[in-house]
Amino acid sequence: MTIDSTIHSLIDHEFAAAYAKHNGKTPRSHGVGDATSLVVLVEEVGEVARAMTYDEGDIDNLAAELIQVATMAAAWAERLIVRGDA
């Protein structure tokens, strides 16, 4: 069993958007430490909580926020595992 390819595509698209928005500085970037990566990830998790409370019922927004969490977690993991920047 694997994650659906649609989710992978959404994560790739979200990463490209985040990369452009933040001038290439994401949890995937060398020099962005674990503390900063955690702040970024927790901010995204906070947006999920907001979508579940204040924006309750907006499934599209909740899904988009979950993709953002997955994207930042994947970017951080890539830096550690693939790029070896532990």
PDB file of N, CA and C in Angstrom:
ATOM      1  N   MET A   1       0.841  -1.182   0.000  1.00  0.00           N
ATOM      2  CA  MET A   1       0.000   0.000   0.000  1.00  0.00           C
ATOM      3  C   MET A   1       0.880   1.236   0.000  1.00  0.00           C
ATOM      4  N   THR A   2       0.568   2.196  -0.837  1.00  0.00           N
ATOM      5  CA  THR A   2       1.334   3.439  -0.923  1.00  0.00           C
ATOM      6  C   THR A   2       0.398   4.643  -0.891  1.00  0.00           C
ATOM      7  N   ILE A   3       1.003   5.805  -0.681  1.00  0.00           N
ATOM      8  CA  ILE A   3       0.245   7.051  -0.736  1.00  0.00           C
ATOM      9  C   ILE A   3      -0.130   7.315  -2.197  1.00  0.00           C
ATOM     10  N   ASP A   4      -1.339   7.784  -2.411  1.00  0.00           N
ATOM     11  CA  ASP A   4      -1.833   8.069  -3.754  1.00  0.00           C
ATOM     12  C   ASP A   4      -0.942   9.100  -4.449  1.00  0.00           C
ATOM     13  N   SER A   5      -0.713   8.898  -5.726  1.00  0.00           N
ATOM     14  CA  SER A   5       0.149   9.798  -6.494  1.00  0.00           C
ATOM     15  C   SER A   5      -0.402  11.225  -6.551  1.00  0.00           C
ATOM     16  N   THR A   6      -1.701  11.386  -6.397  1.00  0.00           N
ATOM     17  CA  THR A   6      -2.296  12.728  -6.362  1.00  0.00           C
ATOM     18  C   THR A   6      -1.732  13.520  -5.193  1.00  0.00           C
ATOM     19  N   ILE A   7      -1.561  12.862  -4.055  1.00  0.00           N
ATOM     20  CA  ILE A   7      -1.022  13.526  -2.868  1.00  0.00           C
ATOM     21  C   ILE A   7       0.430  13.930  -3.117  1.00  0.00           C
ATOM     22  N   HIS A   8       1.198  13.036  -3.723  1.00  0.00           N
ATOM     23  CA  HIS A   8       2.587  13.377  -4.053  1.00  0.00           C
ATOM     24  C   HIS A   8       2.641  14.601  -4.969  1.00  0.00           C
ATOM     25  N   SER A   9       1.765  14.654  -5.946  1.00  0.00           N
ATOM     26  CA  SER A   9       1.727  15.790  -6.862  1.00  0.00           C
ATOM     27  C   SER A   9       1.364  17.082  -6.139  1.00  0.00           C
ATOM     28  N   LEU A  10       0.406  17.005  -5.228  1.00  0.00           N
ATOM     29  CA  LEU A  10       0.017  18.188  -4.458  1.00  0.00           C
ATOM     30  C   LEU A  10       1.161  18.671  -3.578  1.00  0.00           C
ATOM     31  N   ILE A  11       1.886  17.743  -2.981  1.00  0.00           N
ATOM     32  CA  ILE A  11       3.036  18.110  -2.149  1.00  0.00           C
ATOM     33  C   ILE A  11       4.118  18.759  -3.017  1.00  0.00           C
ATOM     34  N   ASP A  12       4.398  18.193  -4.169  1.00  0.00           N
ATOM     35  CA  ASP A  12       5.391  18.782  -5.074  1.00  0.00           C
ATOM     36  C   ASP A  12       4.991  20.206  -5.484  1.00  0.00           C
ATOM     37  N   HIS A  13       3.724  20.378  -5.818  1.00  0.00           N
ATOM     38  CA  HIS A  13       3.230  21.694  -6.210  1.00  0.00           C
ATOM     39  C   HIS A  13       3.340  22.674  -5.045  1.00  0.00           C
ATOM     40  N   GLU A  14       2.951  22.247  -3.858  1.00  0.00           N
ATOM     41  CA  GLU A  14       3.015  23.114  -2.678  1.00  0.00           C
ATOM     42  C   GLU A  14       4.456  23.477  -2.348  1.00  0.00           C
ATOM     43  N   PHE A  15       5.370  22.507  -2.508  1.00  0.00           N
ATOM     44  CA  PHE A  15       6.768  22.809  -2.227  1.00  0.00           C
ATOM     45  C   PHE A  15       7.288  23.872  -3.190  1.00  0.00           C
ATOM     46  N   ALA A  16       6.967  23.746  -4.461  1.00  0.00           N
ATOM     47  CA  ALA A  16       7.402  24.739  -5.447  1.00  0.00           C
ATOM     48  C   ALA A  16       6.868  26.132  -5.093  1.00  0.00           C
ATOM     49  N   ALA A  17       5.622  26.194  -4.656  1.00  0.00           N
ATOM     50  CA  ALA A  17       5.030  27.479  -4.278  1.00  0.00           C
ATOM     51  C   ALA A  17       5.716  28.054  -3.038  1.00  0.00           C
ATOM     52  N   ALA A  18       5.976  27.219  -2.038  1.00  0.00           N
ATOM     53  CA  ALA A  18       6.639  27.671  -0.816  1.00  0.00           C
ATOM     54  C   ALA A  18       8.069  28.104  -1.109  1.00  0.00           C
ATOM     55  N   TYR A  19       8.747  27.353  -1.969  1.00  0.00           N
ATOM     56  CA  TYR A  19      10.119  27.679  -2.352  1.00  0.00           C
ATOM     57  C   TYR A  19      10.171  29.061  -3.005  1.00  0.00           C
ATOM     58  N   ALA A  20       9.251  29.310  -3.918  1.00  0.00           N
ATOM     59  CA  ALA A  20       9.198  30.604  -4.597  1.00  0.00           C
ATOM     60  C   ALA A  20       8.827  31.728  -3.623  1.00  0.00           C
ATOM     61  N   LYS A  21       7.850  31.486  -2.777  1.00  0.00           N
ATOM     62  CA  LYS A  21       7.371  32.510  -1.841  1.00  0.00           C
ATOM     63  C   LYS A  21       8.455  32.928  -0.856  1.00  0.00           C
ATOM     64  N   HIS A  22       9.266  31.970  -0.414  1.00  0.00           N
ATOM     65  CA  HIS A  22      10.258  32.234   0.632  1.00  0.00           C
ATOM     66  C   HIS A  22      11.686  32.287   0.085  1.00  0.00           C
ATOM     67  N   ASN A  23      11.813  32.588  -1.194  1.00  0.00           N
ATOM     68  CA  ASN A  23      13.126  32.736  -1.837  1.00  0.00           C
ATOM     69  C   ASN A  23      14.044  31.539  -1.592  1.00  0.00           C
ATOM     70  N   GLY A  24      13.475  30.348  -1.660  1.00  0.00           N
ATOM     71  CA  GLY A  24      14.271  29.128  -1.535  1.00  0.00           C
ATOM     72  C   GLY A  24      14.578  28.697  -0.116  1.00  0.00           C
ATOM     73  N   LYS A  25      14.139  29.450   0.861  1.00  0.00           N
ATOM     74  CA  LYS A  25      14.438  29.110   2.254  1.00  0.00           C
ATOM     75  C   LYS A  25      13.268  28.326   2.849  1.00  0.00           C
ATOM     76  N   THR A  26      13.460  27.015   2.932  1.00  0.00           N
ATOM     77  CA  THR A  26      12.450  26.117   3.487  1.00  0.00           C
ATOM     78  C   THR A  26      13.148  25.132   4.417  1.00  0.00           C
ATOM     79  N   PRO A  27      12.407  24.281   5.123  1.00  0.00           N
ATOM     80  CA  PRO A  27      13.060  23.271   5.957  1.00  0.00           C
ATOM     81  C   PRO A  27      13.978  22.330   5.172  1.00  0.00           C
ATOM     82  N   ARG A  28      13.882  22.318   3.863  1.00  0.00           N
ATOM     83  CA  ARG A  28      14.753  21.502   3.026  1.00  0.00           C
ATOM     84  C   ARG A  28      16.138  22.129   2.848  1.00  0.00           C
ATOM     85  N   SER A  29      16.237  23.419   3.067  1.00  0.00           N
ATOM     86  CA  SER A  29      17.462  24.163   2.781  1.00  0.00           C
ATOM     87  C   SER A  29      18.563  23.898   3.801  1.00  0.00           C
ATOM     88  N   HIS A  30      19.784  23.743   3.285  1.00  0.00           N
ATOM     89  CA  HIS A  30      20.939  23.691   4.181  1.00  0.00           C
ATOM     90  C   HIS A  30      20.990  25.023   4.919  1.00  0.00           C
ATOM     91  N   GLY A  31      21.352  24.975   6.159  1.00  0.00           N
ATOM     92  CA  GLY A  31      21.437  26.196   6.950  1.00  0.00           C
ATOM     93  C   GLY A  31      20.159  26.519   7.698  1.00  0.00           C
ATOM     94  N   VAL A  32      19.058  25.899   7.325  1.00  0.00           N
ATOM     95  CA  VAL A  32      17.821  26.052   8.098  1.00  0.00           C
ATOM     96  C   VAL A  32      17.848  24.924   9.119  1.00  0.00           C
ATOM     97  N   GLY A  33      18.010  25.268  10.355  1.00  0.00           N
ATOM     98  CA  GLY A  33      18.168  24.256  11.390  1.00  0.00           C
ATOM     99  C   GLY A  33      16.870  23.598  11.799  1.00  0.00           C
ATOM    100  N   ASP A  34      17.017  22.642  12.692  1.00  0.00           N
ATOM    101  CA  ASP A  34      15.849  21.908  13.170  1.00  0.00           C
ATOM    102  C   ASP A  34      14.894  22.800  13.947  1.00  0.00           C
ATOM    103  N   ALA A  35      15.419  23.742  14.722  1.00  0.00           N
ATOM    104  CA  ALA A  35      14.536  24.623  15.500  1.00  0.00           C
ATOM    105  C   ALA A  35      13.651  25.453  14.572  1.00  0.00           C
ATOM    106  N   THR A  36      14.231  26.022  13.527  1.00  0.00           N
ATOM    107  CA  THR A  36      13.448  26.806  12.574  1.00  0.00           C
ATOM    108  C   THR A  36      12.475  25.914  11.815  1.00  0.00           C
ATOM    109  N   SER A  37      12.932  24.729  11.448  1.00  0.00           N
ATOM    110  CA  SER A  37      12.048  23.789  10.749  1.00  0.00           C
ATOM    111  C   SER A  37      10.851  23.422  11.612  1.00  0.00           C
ATOM    112  N   LEU A  38      11.078  23.241  12.901  1.00  0.00           N
ATOM    113  CA  LEU A  38       9.976  22.929  13.811  1.00  0.00           C
ATOM    114  C   LEU A  38       8.989  24.093  13.893  1.00  0.00           C
ATOM    115  N   VAL A  39       9.491  25.310  13.953  1.00  0.00           N
ATOM    116  CA  VAL A  39       8.614  26.484  13.989  1.00  0.00           C
ATOM    117  C   VAL A  39       7.735  26.523  12.741  1.00  0.00           C
ATOM    118  N   VAL A  40       8.324  26.281  11.593  1.00  0.00           N
ATOM    119  CA  VAL A  40       7.571  26.281  10.334  1.00  0.00           C
ATOM    120  C   VAL A  40       6.494  25.192  10.358  1.00  0.00           C
ATOM    121  N   LEU A  41       6.886  24.001  10.786  1.00  0.00           N
ATOM    122  CA  LEU A  41       5.937  22.881  10.816  1.00  0.00           C
ATOM    123  C   LEU A  41       4.798  23.130  11.797  1.00  0.00           C
ATOM    124  N   VAL A  42       5.122  23.629  12.979  1.00  0.00           N
ATOM    125  CA  VAL A  42       4.086  23.887  13.988  1.00  0.00           C
ATOM    126  C   VAL A  42       3.143  24.988  13.524  1.00  0.00           C
ATOM    127  N   GLU A  43       3.667  25.984  12.819  1.00  0.00           N
ATOM    128  CA  GLU A  43       2.796  27.027  12.275  1.00  0.00           C
ATOM    129  C   GLU A  43       1.787  26.421  11.313  1.00  0.00           C
ATOM    130  N   GLU A  44       2.247  25.495  10.497  1.00  0.00           N
ATOM    131  CA  GLU A  44       1.339  24.828   9.559  1.00  0.00           C
ATOM    132  C   GLU A  44       0.313  23.962  10.297  1.00  0.00           C
ATOM    133  N   VAL A  45       0.733  23.279  11.348  1.00  0.00           N
ATOM    134  CA  VAL A  45      -0.199  22.481  12.158  1.00  0.00           C
ATOM    135  C   VAL A  45      -1.238  23.398  12.799  1.00  0.00           C
ATOM    136  N   GLY A  46      -0.814  24.582  13.220  1.00  0.00           N
ATOM    137  CA  GLY A  46      -1.759  25.561  13.759  1.00  0.00           C
ATOM    138  C   GLY A  46      -2.820  25.943  12.745  1.00  0.00           C
ATOM    139  N   GLU A  47      -2.431  26.032  11.486  1.00  0.00           N
ATOM    140  CA  GLU A  47      -3.400  26.333  10.437  1.00  0.00           C
ATOM    141  C   GLU A  47      -4.408  25.195  10.265  1.00  0.00           C
ATOM    142  N   VAL A  48      -3.968  23.964  10.484  1.00  0.00           N
ATOM    143  CA  VAL A  48      -4.900  22.828  10.461  1.00  0.00           C
ATOM    144  C   VAL A  48      -5.901  22.974  11.601  1.00  0.00           C
ATOM    145  N   ALA A  49      -5.407  23.314  12.779  1.00  0.00           N
ATOM    146  CA  ALA A  49      -6.301  23.501  13.937  1.00  0.00           C
ATOM    147  C   ALA A  49      -7.303  24.608  13.666  1.00  0.00           C
ATOM    148  N   ARG A  50      -6.836  25.690  13.071  1.00  0.00           N
ATOM    149  CA  ARG A  50      -7.742  26.794  12.734  1.00  0.00           C
ATOM    150  C   ARG A  50      -8.814  26.327  11.744  1.00  0.00           C
ATOM    151  N   ALA A  51      -8.393  25.566  10.745  1.00  0.00           N
ATOM    152  CA  ALA A  51      -9.343  25.070   9.748  1.00  0.00           C
ATOM    153  C   ALA A  51     -10.386  24.155  10.384  1.00  0.00           C
ATOM    154  N   MET A  52      -9.998  23.479  11.458  1.00  0.00           N
ATOM    155  CA  MET A  52     -10.928  22.560  12.125  1.00  0.00           C
ATOM    156  C   MET A  52     -11.841  23.273  13.119  1.00  0.00           C
ATOM    157  N   THR A  53     -11.503  24.494  13.494  1.00  0.00           N
ATOM    158  CA  THR A  53     -12.314  25.213  14.472  1.00  0.00           C
ATOM    159  C   THR A  53     -13.038  26.382  13.811  1.00  0.00           C
ATOM    160  N   TYR A  54     -12.297  27.408  13.442  1.00  0.00           N
ATOM    161  CA  TYR A  54     -12.915  28.616  12.898  1.00  0.00           C
ATOM    162  C   TYR A  54     -13.478  28.422  11.504  1.00  0.00           C
ATOM    163  N   ASP A  55     -12.841  27.571  10.721  1.00  0.00           N
ATOM    164  CA  ASP A  55     -13.289  27.340   9.348  1.00  0.00           C
ATOM    165  C   ASP A  55     -13.960  25.972   9.218  1.00  0.00           C
ATOM    166  N   GLU A  56     -14.531  25.490  10.300  1.00  0.00           N
ATOM    167  CA  GLU A  56     -15.129  24.148  10.323  1.00  0.00           C
ATOM    168  C   GLU A  56     -16.076  23.948   9.151  1.00  0.00           C
ATOM    169  N   GLY A  57     -15.936  22.825   8.505  1.00  0.00           N
ATOM    170  CA  GLY A  57     -16.804  22.488   7.387  1.00  0.00           C
ATOM    171  C   GLY A  57     -16.200  22.793   6.031  1.00  0.00           C
ATOM    172  N   ASP A  58     -15.102  23.564   6.009  1.00  0.00           N
ATOM    173  CA  ASP A  58     -14.436  23.875   4.745  1.00  0.00           C
ATOM    174  C   ASP A  58     -13.395  22.788   4.475  1.00  0.00           C
ATOM    175  N   ILE A  59     -13.863  21.690   3.911  1.00  0.00           N
ATOM    176  CA  ILE A  59     -13.010  20.516   3.690  1.00  0.00           C
ATOM    177  C   ILE A  59     -11.858  20.832   2.743  1.00  0.00           C
ATOM    178  N   ASP A  60     -12.100  21.670   1.747  1.00  0.00           N
ATOM    179  CA  ASP A  60     -11.038  22.023   0.810  1.00  0.00           C
ATOM    180  C   ASP A  60      -9.902  22.756   1.522  1.00  0.00           C
ATOM    181  N   ASN A  61     -10.239  23.683   2.418  1.00  0.00           N
ATOM    182  CA  ASN A  61      -9.222  24.408   3.168  1.00  0.00           C
ATOM    183  C   ASN A  61      -8.474  23.468   4.109  1.00  0.00           C
ATOM    184  N   LEU A  62      -9.197  22.598   4.787  1.00  0.00           N
ATOM    185  CA  LEU A  62      -8.555  21.642   5.690  1.00  0.00           C
ATOM    186  C   LEU A  62      -7.582  20.755   4.913  1.00  0.00           C
ATOM    187  N   ALA A  63      -8.002  20.266   3.771  1.00  0.00           N
ATOM    188  CA  ALA A  63      -7.127  19.422   2.950  1.00  0.00           C
ATOM    189  C   ALA A  63      -5.893  20.195   2.503  1.00  0.00           C
ATOM    190  N   ALA A  64      -6.075  21.441   2.101  1.00  0.00           N
ATOM    191  CA  ALA A  64      -4.940  22.269   1.671  1.00  0.00           C
ATOM    192  C   ALA A  64      -3.951  22.477   2.814  1.00  0.00           C
ATOM    193  N   GLU A  65      -4.461  22.710   4.012  1.00  0.00           N
ATOM    194  CA  GLU A  65      -3.583  22.903   5.170  1.00  0.00           C
ATOM    195  C   GLU A  65      -2.841  21.613   5.515  1.00  0.00           C
ATOM    196  N   LEU A  66      -3.505  20.484   5.379  1.00  0.00           N
ATOM    197  CA  LEU A  66      -2.831  19.205   5.628  1.00  0.00           C
ATOM    198  C   LEU A  66      -1.726  18.957   4.611  1.00  0.00           C
ATOM    199  N   ILE A  67      -1.945  19.350   3.372  1.00  0.00           N
ATOM    200  CA  ILE A  67      -0.897  19.224   2.356  1.00  0.00           C
ATOM    201  C   ILE A  67       0.290  20.112   2.724  1.00  0.00           C
ATOM    202  N   GLN A  68       0.029  21.300   3.261  1.00  0.00           N
ATOM    203  CA  GLN A  68       1.120  22.177   3.680  1.00  0.00           C
ATOM    204  C   GLN A  68       1.922  21.554   4.822  1.00  0.00           C
ATOM    205  N   VAL A  69       1.245  20.907   5.763  1.00  0.00           N
ATOM    206  CA  VAL A  69       1.947  20.199   6.846  1.00  0.00           C
ATOM    207  C   VAL A  69       2.809  19.088   6.262  1.00  0.00           C
ATOM    208  N   ALA A  70       2.218  18.296   5.393  1.00  0.00           N
ATOM    209  CA  ALA A  70       2.955  17.188   4.782  1.00  0.00           C
ATOM    210  C   ALA A  70       4.162  17.697   3.991  1.00  0.00           C
ATOM    211  N   THR A  71       3.993  18.808   3.310  1.00  0.00           N
ATOM    212  CA  THR A  71       5.074  19.381   2.510  1.00  0.00           C
ATOM    213  C   THR A  71       6.239  19.809   3.381  1.00  0.00           C
ATOM    214  N   MET A  72       5.965  20.535   4.452  1.00  0.00           N
ATOM    215  CA  MET A  72       7.051  21.003   5.310  1.00  0.00           C
ATOM    216  C   MET A  72       7.712  19.845   6.058  1.00  0.00           C
ATOM    217  N   ALA A  73       6.936  18.849   6.451  1.00  0.00           N
ATOM    218  CA  ALA A  73       7.517  17.665   7.096  1.00  0.00           C
ATOM    219  C   ALA A  73       8.402  16.907   6.115  1.00  0.00           C
ATOM    220  N   ALA A  74       7.944  16.756   4.876  1.00  0.00           N
ATOM    221  CA  ALA A  74       8.724  16.055   3.862  1.00  0.00           C
ATOM    222  C   ALA A  74       9.999  16.826   3.521  1.00  0.00           C
ATOM    223  N   ALA A  75       9.889  18.143   3.433  1.00  0.00           N
ATOM    224  CA  ALA A  75      11.061  18.967   3.130  1.00  0.00           C
ATOM    225  C   ALA A  75      12.115  18.828   4.230  1.00  0.00           C
ATOM    226  N   TRP A  76      11.679  18.847   5.475  1.00  0.00           N
ATOM    227  CA  TRP A  76      12.586  18.699   6.612  1.00  0.00           C
ATOM    228  C   TRP A  76      13.230  17.315   6.580  1.00  0.00           C
ATOM    229  N   ALA A  77      12.421  16.288   6.383  1.00  0.00           N
ATOM    230  CA  ALA A  77      12.942  14.915   6.333  1.00  0.00           C
ATOM    231  C   ALA A  77      13.931  14.754   5.186  1.00  0.00           C
ATOM    232  N   GLU A  78      13.646  15.381   4.048  1.00  0.00           N
ATOM    233  CA  GLU A  78      14.567  15.281   2.921  1.00  0.00           C
ATOM    234  C   GLU A  78      15.928  15.880   3.278  1.00  0.00           C
ATOM    235  N   ARG A  79      15.911  17.027   3.945  1.00  0.00           N
ATOM    236  CA  ARG A  79      17.181  17.643   4.340  1.00  0.00           C
ATOM    237  C   ARG A  79      17.991  16.702   5.231  1.00  0.00           C
ATOM    238  N   LEU A  80      17.308  16.039   6.144  1.00  0.00           N
ATOM    239  CA  LEU A  80      18.005  15.149   7.084  1.00  0.00           C
ATOM    240  C   LEU A  80      18.433  13.831   6.451  1.00  0.00           C
ATOM    241  N   ILE A  81      17.543  13.222   5.693  1.00  0.00           N
ATOM    242  CA  ILE A  81      17.780  11.866   5.197  1.00  0.00           C
ATOM    243  C   ILE A  81      18.508  11.849   3.860  1.00  0.00           C
ATOM    244  N   VAL A  82      18.014  12.614   2.908  1.00  0.00           N
ATOM    245  CA  VAL A  82      18.553  12.562   1.557  1.00  0.00           C
ATOM    246  C   VAL A  82      19.777  13.457   1.415  1.00  0.00           C
ATOM    247  N   ARG A  83      19.694  14.659   1.966  1.00  0.00           N
ATOM    248  CA  ARG A  83      20.758  15.633   1.800  1.00  0.00           C
ATOM    249  C   ARG A  83      21.822  15.522   2.889  1.00  0.00           C
ATOM    250  N   GLY A  84      21.545  14.765   3.950  1.00  0.00           N
ATOM    251  CA  GLY A  84      22.529  14.523   4.993  1.00  0.00           C
ATOM    252  C   GLY A  84      22.886  15.732   5.839  1.00  0.00           C
ATOM    253  N   ASP A  85      21.972  16.675   5.971  1.00  0.00           N
ATOM    254  CA  ASP A  85      22.226  17.884   6.751  1.00  0.00           C
ATOM    255  C   ASP A  85      21.607  17.743   8.136  1.00  0.00           C
ATOM    256  N   ALA A  86      22.133  16.827   8.901  1.00  0.00           N
ATOM    257  CA  ALA A  86      21.575  16.556  10.230  1.00  0.00           C
ATOM    258  C   ALA A  86      22.073  17.537  11.250  1.00  0.00           C
TER     259      ALA A  86
END
